Amino acid sequence: MRTYKVLTVRQPWAHLIIDGTKTVENRTWKTDYRGPIAIHAAASVCRETIEQFELDPDELHFGAVIGIVELADIVTQHRSPFFTGPFGWVLKKPRAMRPVPMRGQLKLFTASLNLRHR
């Protein structure tokens, strides 16, 4: 068991972060923290985005931590097509993990997790 910073993200954005497609997560707030962040897939979904990226909703996990990324930086400008601001969390080194069911929270929160690679 290890303690992680955790960020809840709606699906399919959480999936797109962990598969390496989405390298910038937009937030209205910033943090001084840099380092590993567990990505929690929220129970809510953006169906329009699932269709846009031609994803199978039955293959997405909800209400669970699905992977880890490194929060490398927080920027106010980025060339990524995913950047809309005002703050772009630059994410690197995505790693999928076996889903760990849990409730999400607002903001960046801390949780003790036993994560294992898929």
C-alpha atoms as a PDB file:
ATOM      1  CA  MET A   1       0.000   0.000   0.000  1.00  0.00           C
ATOM      2  CA  ARG A   2       1.315   3.429  -0.964  1.00  0.00           C
ATOM      3  CA  THR A   3       0.015   6.970  -0.612  1.00  0.00           C
ATOM      4  CA  TYR A   4      -0.728   8.811  -3.872  1.00  0.00           C
ATOM      5  CA  LYS A   5      -2.043  12.172  -4.918  1.00  0.00           C
ATOM      6  CA  VAL A   6      -5.238  11.452  -6.877  1.00  0.00           C
ATOM      7  CA  LEU A   7      -7.117  13.464  -9.498  1.00  0.00           C
ATOM      8  CA  THR A   8     -10.660  12.593 -10.557  1.00  0.00           C
ATOM      9  CA  VAL A   9     -11.305  13.003 -14.301  1.00  0.00           C
ATOM     10  CA  ARG A  10     -14.508  12.270 -16.237  1.00  0.00           C
ATOM     11  CA  GLN A  11     -14.509   9.471 -18.775  1.00  0.00           C
ATOM     12  CA  PRO A  12     -13.414   9.154 -21.516  1.00  0.00           C
ATOM     13  CA  TRP A  13     -10.846  11.852 -20.663  1.00  0.00           C
ATOM     14  CA  ALA A  14      -9.342   9.649 -17.918  1.00  0.00           C
ATOM     15  CA  HIS A  15      -8.912   6.811 -20.445  1.00  0.00           C
ATOM     16  CA  LEU A  16      -7.354   9.181 -22.999  1.00  0.00           C
ATOM     17  CA  ILE A  17      -4.873  10.406 -20.366  1.00  0.00           C
ATOM     18  CA  ILE A  18      -3.805   6.882 -19.416  1.00  0.00           C
ATOM     19  CA  ASP A  19      -3.483   5.709 -23.033  1.00  0.00           C
ATOM     20  CA  GLY A  20      -1.203   8.695 -23.741  1.00  0.00           C
ATOM     21  CA  THR A  21      -3.518  10.525 -26.158  1.00  0.00           C
ATOM     22  CA  LYS A  22      -4.312  13.443 -23.838  1.00  0.00           C
ATOM     23  CA  THR A  23      -1.121  14.939 -22.397  1.00  0.00           C
ATOM     24  CA  VAL A  24      -2.659  18.113 -20.963  1.00  0.00           C
ATOM     25  CA  GLU A  25      -5.504  18.204 -18.426  1.00  0.00           C
ATOM     26  CA  ASN A  26      -7.296  21.534 -18.092  1.00  0.00           C
ATOM     27  CA  ARG A  27      -8.131  22.915 -14.678  1.00  0.00           C
ATOM     28  CA  THR A  28      -9.284  26.271 -13.323  1.00  0.00           C
ATOM     29  CA  TRP A  29      -6.794  25.962 -10.472  1.00  0.00           C
ATOM     30  CA  LYS A  30      -3.154  25.057 -10.017  1.00  0.00           C
ATOM     31  CA  THR A  31      -0.997  23.314  -7.446  1.00  0.00           C
ATOM     32  CA  ASP A  32       2.655  23.489  -6.441  1.00  0.00           C
ATOM     33  CA  TYR A  33       2.778  19.679  -6.414  1.00  0.00           C
ATOM     34  CA  ARG A  34       4.802  17.893  -9.108  1.00  0.00           C
ATOM     35  CA  GLY A  35       5.228  14.141  -9.344  1.00  0.00           C
ATOM     36  CA  PRO A  36       3.098  11.001  -9.625  1.00  0.00           C
ATOM     37  CA  ILE A  37      -0.680  11.354  -9.726  1.00  0.00           C
ATOM     38  CA  ALA A  38      -3.153   8.492  -9.750  1.00  0.00           C
ATOM     39  CA  ILE A  39      -5.945   9.114 -12.278  1.00  0.00           C
ATOM     40  CA  HIS A  40      -9.398   8.305 -10.942  1.00  0.00           C
ATOM     41  CA  ALA A  41     -12.087   7.759 -13.599  1.00  0.00           C
ATOM     42  CA  ALA A  42     -15.246   9.460 -12.397  1.00  0.00           C
ATOM     43  CA  ALA A  43     -18.641   7.799 -12.466  1.00  0.00           C
ATOM     44  CA  SER A  44     -19.837  10.480 -14.906  1.00  0.00           C
ATOM     45  CA  VAL A  45     -19.256  10.347 -18.636  1.00  0.00           C
ATOM     46  CA  CYS A  46     -19.070  12.682 -21.630  1.00  0.00           C
ATOM     47  CA  ARG A  47     -20.877  10.609 -24.274  1.00  0.00           C
ATOM     48  CA  GLU A  48     -20.122  13.095 -27.045  1.00  0.00           C
ATOM     49  CA  THR A  49     -16.379  12.595 -26.515  1.00  0.00           C
ATOM     50  CA  ILE A  50     -16.744   8.800 -26.494  1.00  0.00           C
ATOM     51  CA  GLU A  51     -18.346   9.048 -29.931  1.00  0.00           C
ATOM     52  CA  GLN A  52     -15.773  11.576 -31.161  1.00  0.00           C
ATOM     53  CA  PHE A  53     -12.880   9.225 -30.331  1.00  0.00           C
ATOM     54  CA  GLU A  54     -14.840   6.116 -31.407  1.00  0.00           C
ATOM     55  CA  LEU A  55     -14.386   4.414 -28.028  1.00  0.00           C
ATOM     56  CA  ASP A  56     -16.413   1.481 -26.740  1.00  0.00           C
ATOM     57  CA  PRO A  57     -18.090   2.632 -23.494  1.00  0.00           C
ATOM     58  CA  ASP A  58     -18.194  -1.001 -22.315  1.00  0.00           C
ATOM     59  CA  GLU A  59     -14.370  -1.010 -22.235  1.00  0.00           C
ATOM     60  CA  LEU A  60     -14.116   2.071 -19.994  1.00  0.00           C
ATOM     61  CA  HIS A  61     -13.835   1.862 -16.214  1.00  0.00           C
ATOM     62  CA  PHE A  62     -15.859   4.158 -13.970  1.00  0.00           C
ATOM     63  CA  GLY A  63     -15.492   4.974 -10.288  1.00  0.00           C
ATOM     64  CA  ALA A  64     -11.941   3.595 -10.086  1.00  0.00           C
ATOM     65  CA  VAL A  65      -8.284   4.572 -10.211  1.00  0.00           C
ATOM     66  CA  ILE A  66      -7.117   3.371 -13.635  1.00  0.00           C
ATOM     67  CA  GLY A  67      -3.500   4.504 -13.856  1.00  0.00           C
ATOM     68  CA  ILE A  68      -0.695   6.837 -12.923  1.00  0.00           C
ATOM     69  CA  VAL A  69       0.911   9.810 -14.680  1.00  0.00           C
ATOM     70  CA  GLU A  70       3.646  12.263 -13.786  1.00  0.00           C
ATOM     71  CA  LEU A  71       2.522  15.856 -13.305  1.00  0.00           C
ATOM     72  CA  ALA A  72       5.494  17.559 -14.957  1.00  0.00           C
ATOM     73  CA  ASP A  73       4.323  21.170 -15.102  1.00  0.00           C
ATOM     74  CA  ILE A  74       1.364  23.538 -15.021  1.00  0.00           C
ATOM     75  CA  VAL A  75       1.206  26.051 -17.862  1.00  0.00           C
ATOM     76  CA  THR A  76      -1.012  28.862 -19.128  1.00  0.00           C
ATOM     77  CA  GLN A  77      -0.214  28.160 -22.803  1.00  0.00           C
ATOM     78  CA  HIS A  78       0.387  24.903 -24.649  1.00  0.00           C
ATOM     79  CA  ARG A  79       0.412  23.753 -28.271  1.00  0.00           C
ATOM     80  CA  SER A  80      -1.666  20.640 -27.478  1.00  0.00           C
ATOM     81  CA  PRO A  81      -5.089  20.643 -29.163  1.00  0.00           C
ATOM     82  CA  PHE A  82      -6.452  19.524 -25.780  1.00  0.00           C
ATOM     83  CA  PHE A  83      -5.348  22.732 -24.039  1.00  0.00           C
ATOM     84  CA  THR A  84      -8.218  25.119 -23.322  1.00  0.00           C
ATOM     85  CA  GLY A  85      -6.896  26.617 -20.071  1.00  0.00           C
ATOM     86  CA  PRO A  86      -6.806  28.511 -17.944  1.00  0.00           C
ATOM     87  CA  PHE A  87      -4.272  26.068 -16.470  1.00  0.00           C
ATOM     88  CA  GLY A  88      -2.889  23.097 -18.381  1.00  0.00           C
ATOM     89  CA  TRP A  89      -1.519  20.266 -16.275  1.00  0.00           C
ATOM     90  CA  VAL A  90       1.243  18.718 -18.402  1.00  0.00           C
ATOM     91  CA  LEU A  91       1.130  14.944 -17.918  1.00  0.00           C
ATOM     92  CA  LYS A  92       3.892  12.474 -18.808  1.00  0.00           C
ATOM     93  CA  LYS A  93       4.692   8.777 -18.466  1.00  0.00           C
ATOM     94  CA  PRO A  94       1.137   7.346 -18.374  1.00  0.00           C
ATOM     95  CA  ARG A  95       0.929   3.845 -16.937  1.00  0.00           C
ATOM     96  CA  ALA A  96      -2.255   1.777 -16.884  1.00  0.00           C
ATOM     97  CA  MET A  97      -3.034  -0.048 -13.647  1.00  0.00           C
ATOM     98  CA  ARG A  98      -5.591  -2.629 -12.670  1.00  0.00           C
ATOM     99  CA  PRO A  99      -8.686  -0.612 -11.739  1.00  0.00           C
ATOM    100  CA  VAL A 100      -9.093   0.061  -8.017  1.00  0.00           C
ATOM    101  CA  PRO A 101     -12.698   1.001  -7.190  1.00  0.00           C
ATOM    102  CA  MET A 102     -13.142   4.073  -5.000  1.00  0.00           C
ATOM    103  CA  ARG A 103     -15.105   7.295  -4.711  1.00  0.00           C
ATOM    104  CA  GLY A 104     -13.674  10.374  -6.336  1.00  0.00           C
ATOM    105  CA  GLN A 105     -13.283  13.800  -4.804  1.00  0.00           C
ATOM    106  CA  LEU A 106     -12.872  17.362  -5.914  1.00  0.00           C
ATOM    107  CA  LYS A 107      -9.422  18.902  -6.282  1.00  0.00           C
ATOM    108  CA  LEU A 108      -6.210  16.926  -5.757  1.00  0.00           C
ATOM    109  CA  PHE A 109      -6.635  14.502  -2.859  1.00  0.00           C
ATOM    110  CA  THR A 110      -4.531  11.862  -1.122  1.00  0.00           C
ATOM    111  CA  ALA A 111      -5.381   8.148  -0.887  1.00  0.00           C
ATOM    112  CA  SER A 112      -3.606   4.950   0.134  1.00  0.00           C
ATOM    113  CA  LEU A 113      -3.722   2.560  -2.822  1.00  0.00           C
ATOM    114  CA  ASN A 114      -2.382  -0.819  -3.764  1.00  0.00           C
ATOM    115  CA  LEU A 115      -1.808  -0.333  -7.505  1.00  0.00           C
ATOM    116  CA  ARG A 116      -0.624  -3.070  -9.857  1.00  0.00           C
ATOM    117  CA  HIS A 117       0.280  -2.851 -13.506  1.00  0.00           C
ATOM    118  CA  ARG A 118      -2.223  -4.270 -15.969  1.00  0.00           C
END
